[in-house]
Protein backbone atom coordinates (compact mmCIF):
# COMPACT_ATOMS: atom_id res chain seq x y z
CA MET A 1 7.26 3.36 9.77
CA ASN A 2 9.95 0.52 8.97
CA ASN A 3 11.45 -1.28 11.93
CA ARG A 4 11.73 -4.51 13.81
CA LYS A 5 10.41 -3.27 17.18
CA ASN A 6 7.02 -2.10 16.07
CA THR A 7 5.09 -5.04 17.06
CA LEU A 8 2.38 -3.38 19.09
CA THR A 9 0.15 -5.14 21.48
CA ARG A 10 -3.50 -4.00 22.88
CA ARG A 11 -1.70 -3.85 26.29
CA SER A 12 0.68 -1.21 25.19
CA PHE A 13 -1.95 0.78 23.88
CA LEU A 14 -3.99 0.85 26.79
CA GLU A 15 -1.00 1.35 28.99
CA SER A 16 -0.09 4.65 26.89
CA SER A 17 -3.91 5.89 26.65
CA ALA A 18 -3.36 7.03 30.56
CA ALA A 19 -2.22 10.01 29.46
CA MET A 20 -5.07 11.01 27.79
CA ALA A 21 -6.87 13.21 30.58
CA ALA A 22 -3.57 15.12 31.26
CA ALA A 23 -3.32 16.15 27.46
CA VAL A 24 -6.70 17.26 27.23
CA GLY A 25 -6.04 20.80 27.78
CA THR A 26 -3.49 21.09 25.63
CA ALA A 27 -5.18 19.57 22.80
CA THR A 28 -8.15 22.00 22.97
CA LYS A 29 -5.71 24.90 22.95
CA ILE A 30 -4.25 23.43 20.05
CA ARG A 31 -7.47 22.90 18.09
CA ALA A 32 -8.62 26.62 18.78
CA ALA A 33 -5.72 28.01 17.54
CA VAL A 34 -6.00 26.51 13.93
CA GLY A 35 -9.72 26.71 13.79
CA PRO A 36 -12.33 24.48 12.15
CA SER A 37 -11.90 25.05 8.54
CA ARG A 38 -9.26 22.52 7.59
CA THR A 39 -9.16 18.98 8.63
CA ARG A 40 -6.36 18.27 10.99
CA LEU A 41 -4.28 15.27 9.63
CA ALA A 42 -1.69 13.36 11.51
CA ILE A 43 0.44 10.46 9.87
CA VAL A 44 1.83 7.73 11.65
CA GLY A 45 4.88 6.23 9.85
CA THR A 46 7.11 8.43 8.48
CA GLY A 47 9.33 6.29 6.02
CA SER A 48 9.23 6.98 2.11
CA ARG A 49 5.69 6.32 1.67
CA GLY A 50 4.72 8.57 4.46
CA ILE A 51 6.75 11.53 3.27
CA GLY A 52 6.58 11.03 -0.44
CA MET A 53 2.91 9.92 -1.00
CA TRP A 54 1.58 11.93 1.82
CA GLY A 55 3.27 14.31 3.81
CA SER A 56 4.99 16.72 1.35
CA PRO A 57 1.99 16.76 -1.05
CA ALA A 58 -0.29 17.45 1.73
CA VAL A 59 1.42 20.37 2.96
CA ARG A 60 2.25 21.64 -0.51
CA ASP A 61 -0.96 20.72 -2.49
CA TYR A 62 -3.80 20.48 -0.09
CA SER A 63 -3.25 23.29 2.43
CA LYS A 64 -6.59 24.38 1.96
CA GLN A 65 -8.20 21.53 2.81
CA VAL A 66 -5.80 20.09 5.50
CA GLU A 67 -3.85 21.14 8.25
CA MET A 68 -0.61 18.89 9.09
CA VAL A 69 -0.72 18.65 12.93
CA GLY A 70 1.31 15.68 14.09
CA LEU A 71 4.03 13.08 12.94
CA CYS A 72 4.45 10.02 14.81
CA ASP A 73 7.32 7.04 14.47
CA VAL A 74 8.71 4.50 17.07
CA ASN A 75 11.85 5.59 15.40
CA PRO A 76 12.63 9.10 17.30
CA LYS A 77 15.58 10.06 14.67
CA ARG A 78 13.39 9.39 11.85
CA VAL A 79 10.43 11.00 12.45
CA LYS A 80 12.43 14.46 12.93
CA VAL A 81 14.24 13.56 9.89
CA ALA A 82 10.69 13.31 8.09
CA GLU A 83 9.38 16.38 9.69
CA ARG A 84 11.89 18.26 8.35
CA MET A 85 12.10 16.67 4.74
CA ILE A 86 7.78 17.57 4.98
CA ARG A 87 8.30 21.13 5.87
CA SER A 88 11.22 21.42 2.73
CA ASN A 89 9.00 19.71 0.29
CA MET A 90 11.69 16.93 0.01
CA ALA A 91 8.96 15.10 -2.23
CA ASP A 92 8.81 16.26 -5.77
CA MET A 93 5.49 16.52 -7.97
CA ASP A 94 5.53 12.96 -8.53
CA GLY A 95 5.49 12.14 -4.74
CA HIS A 96 9.01 10.48 -5.09
CA LEU A 97 11.70 11.69 -2.59
CA ARG A 98 14.27 14.03 -4.20
CA THR A 99 17.74 12.37 -4.35
CA GLU A 100 19.92 14.95 -2.68
CA GLY A 101 19.51 16.53 0.58
CA ASP A 102 17.91 16.12 3.76
CA GLY A 103 15.59 19.47 4.04
CA SER A 104 17.68 20.63 7.09
CA SER A 105 18.77 23.39 5.29
CA ALA A 106 15.55 24.34 3.54
CA ALA A 107 12.97 24.01 6.07
CA LYS A 108 10.30 26.21 6.29
CA GLY A 109 6.95 27.02 7.70
CA SER A 110 6.09 26.39 11.32
CA GLU A 111 7.51 22.87 12.62
CA ILE A 112 4.88 20.07 12.75
CA PRO A 113 4.84 18.29 16.47
CA VAL A 114 6.70 15.16 16.15
CA PHE A 115 5.79 12.10 18.50
CA THR A 116 7.18 8.49 19.19
CA ASP A 117 3.97 7.89 21.20
CA PHE A 118 0.86 7.60 19.09
CA ASP A 119 -1.57 8.11 21.98
CA GLU A 120 0.31 10.84 22.91
CA MET A 121 0.21 12.49 19.64
CA VAL A 122 -3.20 12.14 19.45
CA ASN A 123 -4.37 13.21 23.01
CA THR A 124 -2.01 16.41 22.41
CA VAL A 125 -2.65 17.58 18.70
CA SER A 126 -6.50 15.96 18.21
CA PRO A 127 -6.26 15.22 14.64
CA ASP A 128 -9.39 14.87 12.78
CA ARG A 129 -8.15 11.87 10.29
CA ILE A 130 -5.04 9.74 10.53
CA ILE A 131 -2.81 8.29 7.57
CA VAL A 132 -1.24 5.20 8.41
CA THR A 133 1.59 4.18 6.68
CA THR A 134 3.41 1.73 8.88
CA MET A 135 4.47 -1.55 8.27
CA ASP A 136 1.77 -3.79 7.15
CA SER A 137 1.52 -5.89 10.08
CA THR A 138 0.75 -2.86 12.38
CA HIS A 139 -1.67 -1.02 10.34
CA ILE A 140 -4.74 -2.73 12.26
CA HIS A 141 -3.12 -1.34 15.48
CA TYR A 142 -3.34 2.13 14.61
CA VAL A 143 -6.47 2.02 12.66
CA ILE A 144 -8.40 0.61 15.65
CA ARG A 145 -6.98 2.61 18.29
CA GLY A 146 -7.19 5.62 16.21
CA MET A 147 -10.91 4.83 16.00
CA GLU A 148 -11.00 4.33 19.39
CA LEU A 149 -9.78 7.63 20.25
CA GLY A 150 -12.37 9.16 17.91
CA CYS A 151 -10.44 9.67 14.75
CA ASP A 152 -11.52 9.01 11.15
CA MET A 153 -8.49 6.76 9.45
CA ILE A 154 -6.94 6.90 6.26
CA CYS A 155 -4.86 3.25 5.68
CA GLU A 156 -2.36 2.50 3.24
CA LYS A 157 -3.09 -1.08 1.71
CA PRO A 158 -3.23 -3.75 2.63
CA PHE A 159 -5.62 -3.47 5.19
CA ALA A 160 -4.96 -6.57 7.07
CA THR A 161 -2.54 -9.45 7.10
CA ASP A 162 -4.22 -12.39 8.58
CA GLU A 163 -7.47 -13.45 9.39
CA GLU A 164 -7.72 -12.45 13.04
CA GLN A 165 -6.71 -9.01 12.01
CA SER A 166 -9.70 -8.78 9.67
CA LYS A 167 -11.92 -10.29 12.21
CA ALA A 168 -10.78 -7.15 14.63
CA LEU A 169 -11.35 -4.78 11.94
CA ILE A 170 -14.89 -6.02 11.31
CA SER A 171 -15.79 -5.83 15.00
CA ALA A 172 -14.42 -2.23 15.56
CA CYS A 173 -15.99 -1.01 12.22
CA GLU A 174 -19.38 -2.26 13.64
CA LYS A 175 -18.30 -0.48 16.97
CA TYR A 176 -16.92 2.54 15.79
CA ASP A 177 -18.87 4.93 13.67
CA LYS A 178 -15.97 6.61 12.06
CA ASN A 179 -14.83 7.00 8.33
CA ILE A 180 -12.18 4.83 7.05
CA ALA A 181 -10.26 5.43 3.60
CA VAL A 182 -8.44 2.77 2.32
CA THR A 183 -5.75 3.92 -0.67
CA PHE A 184 -6.00 1.84 -3.52
CA ASN A 185 -4.53 3.55 -6.11
CA ALA A 186 -4.22 1.04 -8.31
CA ARG A 187 -8.13 1.83 -9.16
CA TYR A 188 -6.84 5.06 -11.03
CA GLY A 189 -4.67 4.28 -13.52
CA THR A 190 -5.37 4.50 -16.90
CA SER A 191 -5.90 0.95 -17.92
CA ALA A 192 -7.82 0.07 -14.65
CA THR A 193 -9.96 2.93 -15.47
CA LYS A 194 -10.71 1.78 -19.01
CA ILE A 195 -11.30 -1.48 -17.94
CA LYS A 196 -14.23 -0.23 -15.66
CA GLU A 197 -15.66 1.88 -18.48
CA LEU A 198 -15.85 -0.83 -20.87
CA LEU A 199 -17.17 -3.65 -18.35
CA ASN A 200 -19.97 -0.66 -17.22
CA ALA A 201 -20.82 -0.03 -20.85
CA GLY A 202 -21.60 -3.95 -21.47
CA GLU A 203 -19.01 -4.16 -24.01
CA ILE A 204 -17.98 -7.66 -23.64
CA GLY A 205 -21.42 -8.68 -21.98
CA GLU A 206 -21.37 -10.85 -18.91
CA LEU A 207 -17.96 -11.37 -17.43
CA TYR A 208 -16.53 -14.89 -17.66
CA SER A 209 -13.25 -15.41 -16.37
CA VAL A 210 -10.02 -12.95 -15.86
CA ASP A 211 -6.36 -13.81 -16.29
CA TYR A 212 -4.18 -11.65 -14.40
CA ALA A 213 -0.56 -11.60 -14.63
CA GLU A 214 1.33 -9.46 -12.42
CA TYR A 215 5.41 -8.91 -13.50
CA LEU A 216 7.86 -7.08 -11.40
CA ASP A 217 11.22 -6.45 -12.98
CA ASP A 218 14.92 -6.88 -11.05
CA ASP A 219 14.70 -3.56 -9.72
CA HIS A 220 11.38 -3.27 -8.60
CA GLY A 221 11.00 -6.90 -7.63
CA THR A 222 14.23 -7.52 -5.47
CA SER A 223 13.37 -4.39 -3.48
CA TYR A 224 10.84 -6.10 -1.90
CA PHE A 225 13.44 -8.64 -0.28
CA ARG A 226 15.80 -5.98 0.44
CA ARG A 227 13.28 -4.47 2.96
CA TRP A 228 10.92 -5.38 5.89
CA HIS A 229 8.31 -7.05 2.94
CA GLY A 230 10.49 -10.13 2.79
CA ILE A 231 9.47 -11.43 6.19
CA LYS A 232 5.88 -12.96 6.04
CA GLU A 233 5.20 -11.76 9.64
CA ASN A 234 5.78 -8.01 8.64
CA SER A 235 3.86 -8.25 5.22
CA GLY A 236 1.59 -11.25 5.00
CA THR A 237 3.57 -12.25 1.90
CA LEU A 238 3.51 -10.11 -1.57
CA LEU A 239 0.23 -11.94 -2.01
CA VAL A 240 -1.10 -9.77 0.62
CA HIS A 241 1.24 -6.54 0.61
CA LYS A 242 1.58 -6.23 -3.31
CA ALA A 243 -1.40 -8.44 -4.80
CA SER A 244 -3.96 -6.78 -2.24
CA HIS A 245 -3.74 -3.74 -4.92
CA HIS A 246 -4.78 -6.46 -8.00
CA PHE A 247 -7.47 -8.11 -6.02
CA ASP A 248 -9.18 -4.74 -5.01
CA GLN A 249 -8.96 -4.06 -8.88
CA LEU A 250 -10.36 -7.34 -9.63
CA ASN A 251 -12.99 -7.10 -6.95
CA TRP A 252 -14.14 -3.62 -8.22
CA TRP A 253 -14.31 -4.58 -12.00
CA ILE A 254 -16.11 -7.88 -10.95
CA GLY A 255 -18.43 -6.27 -8.58
CA ALA A 256 -18.64 -9.41 -6.63
CA ASP A 257 -17.56 -11.18 -3.67
CA PRO A 258 -14.71 -13.83 -3.62
CA VAL A 259 -15.83 -17.30 -2.20
CA GLU A 260 -12.95 -20.11 -2.73
CA ILE A 261 -9.45 -19.30 -3.28
CA SER A 262 -6.74 -22.03 -4.41
CA ALA A 263 -2.89 -20.98 -4.47
CA GLN A 264 0.36 -22.22 -5.27
CA GLY A 265 3.61 -20.33 -4.17
CA GLU A 266 7.36 -21.09 -4.10
CA LEU A 267 10.58 -18.96 -2.99
CA ARG A 268 12.96 -19.73 -6.02
CA ARG A 269 15.25 -16.91 -6.22
CA TYR A 270 15.71 -15.41 -2.88
CA GLY A 271 16.41 -15.93 0.37
CA ARG A 272 18.07 -19.17 1.01
CA ARG A 273 18.14 -20.01 -2.54
CA GLY A 274 20.83 -17.35 -3.02
CA PRO A 275 24.88 -18.54 -3.33
CA PHE A 276 25.84 -16.24 -0.12
CA ARG A 277 24.39 -13.51 2.37
CA HIS A 278 25.01 -11.01 4.50
CA ALA A 279 23.49 -8.59 6.91
CA ASN A 280 22.92 -5.67 4.20
CA CYS A 281 24.89 -4.57 1.29
CA ARG A 282 26.97 -1.95 2.65
CA LEU A 283 29.13 -4.37 4.78
CA CYS A 284 28.98 -7.61 2.36
CA SER A 285 32.19 -8.85 0.97
CA HIS A 286 30.26 -10.26 -2.25
CA LYS A 287 29.65 -6.75 -3.63
CA GLU A 288 31.43 -7.49 -6.68
CA SER A 289 29.80 -10.63 -7.71
CA CYS A 290 26.27 -10.22 -6.54
CA GLY A 291 24.25 -9.01 -8.98
CA HIS A 292 21.64 -7.58 -6.64
CA TYR A 293 24.26 -5.37 -5.02
CA TRP A 294 22.60 -2.06 -4.16
CA ASP A 295 24.54 0.84 -2.74
CA ILE A 296 22.17 3.15 -0.64
CA THR A 297 24.77 5.42 -0.30
CA GLU A 298 24.07 6.89 -3.69
CA HIS A 299 21.09 8.16 -1.96
CA PRO A 300 21.38 10.85 0.31
CA HIS A 301 17.85 11.09 1.52
CA LEU A 302 17.54 7.78 2.36
CA VAL A 303 20.97 7.49 4.20
CA LYS A 304 19.25 10.35 6.37
CA LEU A 305 15.93 8.58 6.63
CA TYR A 306 17.23 4.97 7.39
CA VAL A 307 21.04 4.39 7.71
CA ASP A 308 21.52 7.44 9.97
CA CYS A 309 18.72 6.14 11.94
CA GLU A 310 19.57 2.31 12.28
CA GLY A 311 21.11 2.69 15.49
CA GLU A 312 17.50 3.22 17.12
CA ASP A 313 15.57 -0.06 15.65
CA GLY A 314 18.61 -1.95 13.89
CA TYR A 315 16.61 -1.96 10.46
CA PHE A 316 18.49 -2.24 7.45
CA ARG A 317 16.84 -0.43 4.40
CA ASP A 318 19.35 -2.32 2.20
CA GLY A 319 19.08 -5.63 3.61
CA CYS A 320 20.61 -8.71 1.54
CA VAL A 321 18.19 -10.20 -0.53
CA TYR A 322 19.53 -13.87 0.13
CA ARG A 323 19.17 -13.55 3.85
CA ASN A 324 17.84 -16.42 5.69
CA ALA A 325 15.04 -14.65 7.49
CA ILE A 326 13.06 -14.35 4.03
CA ASN A 327 10.19 -16.47 4.09
CA ILE A 328 7.88 -14.96 1.42
CA TYR A 329 7.27 -16.20 -1.82
CA ASP A 330 8.68 -14.96 -5.56
CA THR A 331 6.46 -16.90 -7.66
CA THR A 332 3.02 -17.38 -7.02
CA SER A 333 -0.41 -18.83 -8.70
CA VAL A 334 -3.72 -17.84 -7.26
CA GLN A 335 -7.62 -19.20 -8.77
CA VAL A 336 -10.23 -17.64 -7.43
CA ARG A 337 -14.26 -18.28 -7.54
CA TYR A 338 -16.56 -15.25 -7.10
CA SER A 339 -19.97 -15.39 -6.09
CA ASN A 340 -21.50 -14.53 -9.40
CA LYS A 341 -19.24 -17.73 -10.79
CA VAL A 342 -16.38 -15.51 -12.35
CA LEU A 343 -13.41 -17.36 -12.43
CA VAL A 344 -9.89 -15.37 -12.04
CA THR A 345 -6.33 -17.14 -12.53
CA TYR A 346 -3.71 -14.61 -11.09
CA SER A 347 0.18 -15.12 -11.00
CA LEU A 348 2.73 -12.57 -9.83
CA ASN A 349 6.43 -13.03 -10.57
CA ALA A 350 9.15 -11.11 -8.73
CA GLY A 351 12.58 -10.81 -10.93
CA VAL A 352 11.30 -11.00 -14.56
CA PRO A 353 12.93 -8.70 -17.43
CA LEU A 354 9.68 -6.30 -17.81
CA GLU A 355 7.59 -4.40 -15.07
CA GLY A 356 3.70 -4.49 -15.46
CA GLN A 357 0.95 -6.74 -16.54
CA THR A 358 -1.16 -8.42 -19.08
CA ILE A 359 -4.77 -8.84 -17.89
CA THR A 360 -7.43 -10.88 -20.43
CA LEU A 361 -11.22 -10.78 -19.52
CA ASN A 362 -13.71 -13.06 -21.10
CA GLY A 363 -17.23 -12.20 -21.45
CA SER A 364 -20.40 -13.38 -23.28
CA LYS A 365 -19.85 -10.89 -26.21
CA GLY A 366 -16.38 -10.70 -26.42
CA ARG A 367 -12.73 -9.97 -24.93
CA LEU A 368 -10.50 -7.39 -23.58
CA GLU A 369 -6.70 -7.60 -23.78
CA VAL A 370 -4.58 -5.35 -21.69
CA ARG A 371 -0.98 -4.63 -21.85
CA ASN A 372 0.11 -2.23 -19.34
CA TYR A 373 3.90 -2.24 -19.14
CA ALA A 374 5.90 0.35 -17.14
CA ARG A 375 9.41 -0.65 -18.30
CA GLN A 376 10.58 -2.92 -20.88
CA PRO A 377 14.32 -3.74 -21.96
CA TRP A 378 13.58 -4.08 -25.50
CA GLU A 379 11.06 -1.32 -26.15
CA ALA A 380 10.45 2.28 -25.32
CA PRO A 381 8.63 4.39 -24.40
CA ALA A 382 6.62 2.55 -21.81
CA ARG A 383 3.23 1.81 -23.33
CA ALA A 384 -0.39 0.73 -22.15
CA GLU A 385 -2.97 -0.36 -24.23
CA VAL A 386 -6.40 -2.22 -24.37
CA ARG A 387 -7.84 -4.55 -27.02
CA LEU A 388 -11.55 -5.00 -27.84
CA MET A 389 -12.38 -8.33 -29.70
CA ARG A 390 -16.24 -8.82 -29.95
CA ASN A 391 -17.50 -12.36 -30.49
CA SER A 392 -19.61 -11.30 -33.89
CA GLU A 393 -16.51 -9.29 -35.49
CA SER A 394 -13.71 -10.37 -37.28
CA HIS A 395 -11.47 -7.39 -36.50
CA SER A 396 -10.88 -5.82 -33.05
CA THR A 397 -10.57 -2.32 -31.64
CA LEU A 398 -7.01 -1.36 -30.29
CA MET A 399 -6.81 1.68 -27.60
CA PRO A 400 -3.58 2.91 -26.94
CA LEU A 401 -3.73 4.37 -23.72
CA ALA A 402 -1.69 7.57 -22.78
CA ARG A 403 0.56 7.23 -19.39
CA ARG A 404 -0.14 10.13 -17.41
CA GLN A 405 2.61 12.16 -15.41
CA GLY A 406 3.35 11.49 -12.03
CA SER A 407 3.92 8.40 -9.40
CA HIS A 408 1.93 5.26 -10.25
CA GLY A 409 1.25 6.48 -13.78
CA GLY A 410 -0.50 9.80 -12.27
CA SER A 411 -2.74 7.80 -9.78
CA ASP A 412 -1.25 8.96 -6.46
CA SER A 413 -2.37 12.60 -7.16
CA LEU A 414 -6.09 11.45 -8.30
CA ILE A 415 -6.45 9.80 -5.08
CA ARG A 416 -5.06 12.13 -2.86
CA ASP A 417 -7.76 14.36 -4.29
CA HIS A 418 -10.42 12.24 -3.30
CA VAL A 419 -8.95 11.54 0.21
CA PHE A 420 -8.46 15.33 0.92
CA ILE A 421 -11.14 16.51 -1.19
CA PRO A 422 -14.42 15.06 -0.16
CA ASP A 423 -16.87 16.84 -2.71
CA SER A 424 -14.32 15.74 -5.80
CA PRO A 425 -16.37 13.73 -8.25
CA ASP A 426 -16.51 9.66 -8.29
CA PRO A 427 -18.50 8.58 -11.15
CA LEU A 428 -16.67 5.20 -11.33
CA LYS A 429 -16.80 4.45 -7.36
CA GLN A 430 -12.82 4.60 -7.11
CA ARG A 431 -12.82 5.61 -3.43
CA ALA A 432 -12.77 2.48 -1.25
CA GLY A 433 -13.47 2.03 2.33
CA ALA A 434 -13.11 -0.73 5.21
CA ARG A 435 -15.18 -3.34 3.18
CA ALA A 436 -13.15 -3.27 -0.03
CA GLY A 437 -10.05 -3.34 1.90
CA ILE A 438 -10.54 -6.34 4.12
CA MET A 439 -12.19 -8.06 0.67
CA SER A 440 -8.68 -7.34 -0.93
CA SER A 441 -6.84 -8.71 1.88
CA ILE A 442 -8.63 -11.55 2.36
CA ILE A 443 -7.83 -12.80 -1.16
CA GLY A 444 -4.05 -12.97 -0.19
CA ILE A 445 -4.58 -14.43 3.10
CA ALA A 446 -6.44 -16.83 1.88
CA ALA A 447 -4.16 -17.58 -0.81
CA TYR A 448 -0.99 -18.26 1.31
CA ARG A 449 -3.29 -20.39 3.74
CA SER A 450 -4.07 -22.59 0.86
CA ILE A 451 -0.33 -22.78 0.07
CA GLU A 452 0.15 -23.91 3.77
CA LYS A 453 -2.38 -26.28 3.87
CA GLY A 454 -2.37 -27.52 0.40
CA ARG A 455 -6.06 -27.42 -0.19
CA PRO A 456 -8.52 -24.58 -1.16
CA ILE A 457 -9.78 -21.93 1.27
CA LYS A 458 -12.97 -20.94 1.33
CA VAL A 459 -13.47 -16.87 2.35
CA ALA A 460 -16.43 -18.26 4.75
CA GLU A 461 -13.27 -20.07 6.84
CA LEU A 462 -11.73 -16.82 7.59
CA ILE A 463 -14.30 -14.10 8.08
CA ASP A 464 -18.23 -13.61 8.24
CA VAL A 465 -18.54 -11.55 4.91
CA SER A 466 -22.16 -11.07 6.07
CA ARG A 467 -21.07 -8.43 8.69
CA LEU A 468 -19.35 -6.06 6.81
CA ARG A 469 -20.72 -2.82 5.52
CA GLY A 470 -20.79 -1.02 2.39
């Protein structure tokens, strides 16, 4: 749900819940019509992620497991466009939205009920599980309200964008006995999986330290500053929105809790650093001279989903990357100390010549070096490889990793299997719940607090880890 008007308050939730009693009869009738065999699924937030990652694949690939019973977005035009796209399979097999059409002429199957009010959707269609793919800062509102209304929740990362949200989620998880899944598809990549297997096998002994460098190329990196992510109040900065994926990987690999975080960050390239600015690319007079000009009209599906819906919320999907409102960092360095004494150095740089990661893990018996490049300007095809070096050996073992087909290196389809098929095997414990969601977010939150305060931040200053289950 990508807009500027969806800053929700507890009061708005309570006021909208007054319609619950009137909707009970309708909800019972709808539930009876579908039957108990499939999970009743709803989505709140019908932007590209909600449609491409979850909506279309759920309808296309998991119809035996789930029944899509409702869609919600505060933008009334967008939710209707999304409904047509989902029914007409506008997402391809990789989970990406197709580049042509809007699905209006090819929609098939029964219409999915659409809503602009979350409580009304829940009370009317009575979903068992709800997927939250809204703007990051609003995740907490829907997760907690969904649990209050009796639903299990599936939440896109990040789980929280500040420490107060984290505390509220901890309290809600203690109060409501509901199942929560947080979707970290980065756990499912070939290199992430191989690292976990090698660590579990003790190949480098006791882990001492990790160096993790994340690179976002000019296309991917710039996109965050073009969208709502560029505003800290929406995303918690890239240290929360983007890096929570990587902090979750680290927590999963290391098998311990972060204790203290120190960070530095700068905005060097975007926002006020730019030579000129405008509200958005389409209307800008600097198209010819701006290296970051992006023509959204070349993407008809995005025109239908965003441009044609701007009048409802004023959100520009092609916002200027130099607008003064941008207040997140494009260059960061983070140090993390874990409860088992593992030390981590993490960096994220947006707008560099390559896309991917280099990761090094040092242990008592050896070292792992990982190169995972999705895009490189000087080399094709993209590659991923792990090199194992042992202290007792003079040679190293290179393990090239085949890149799987599909979005996020094939990870999205794997995580959907775990989310939608409860009894699917999980030998590496890749499924993630509320605890993992909070512990990944809290590293990024502590990192930007460290930047703001100019000192290290202890996790215990922000949340009480002892209250976390799992």
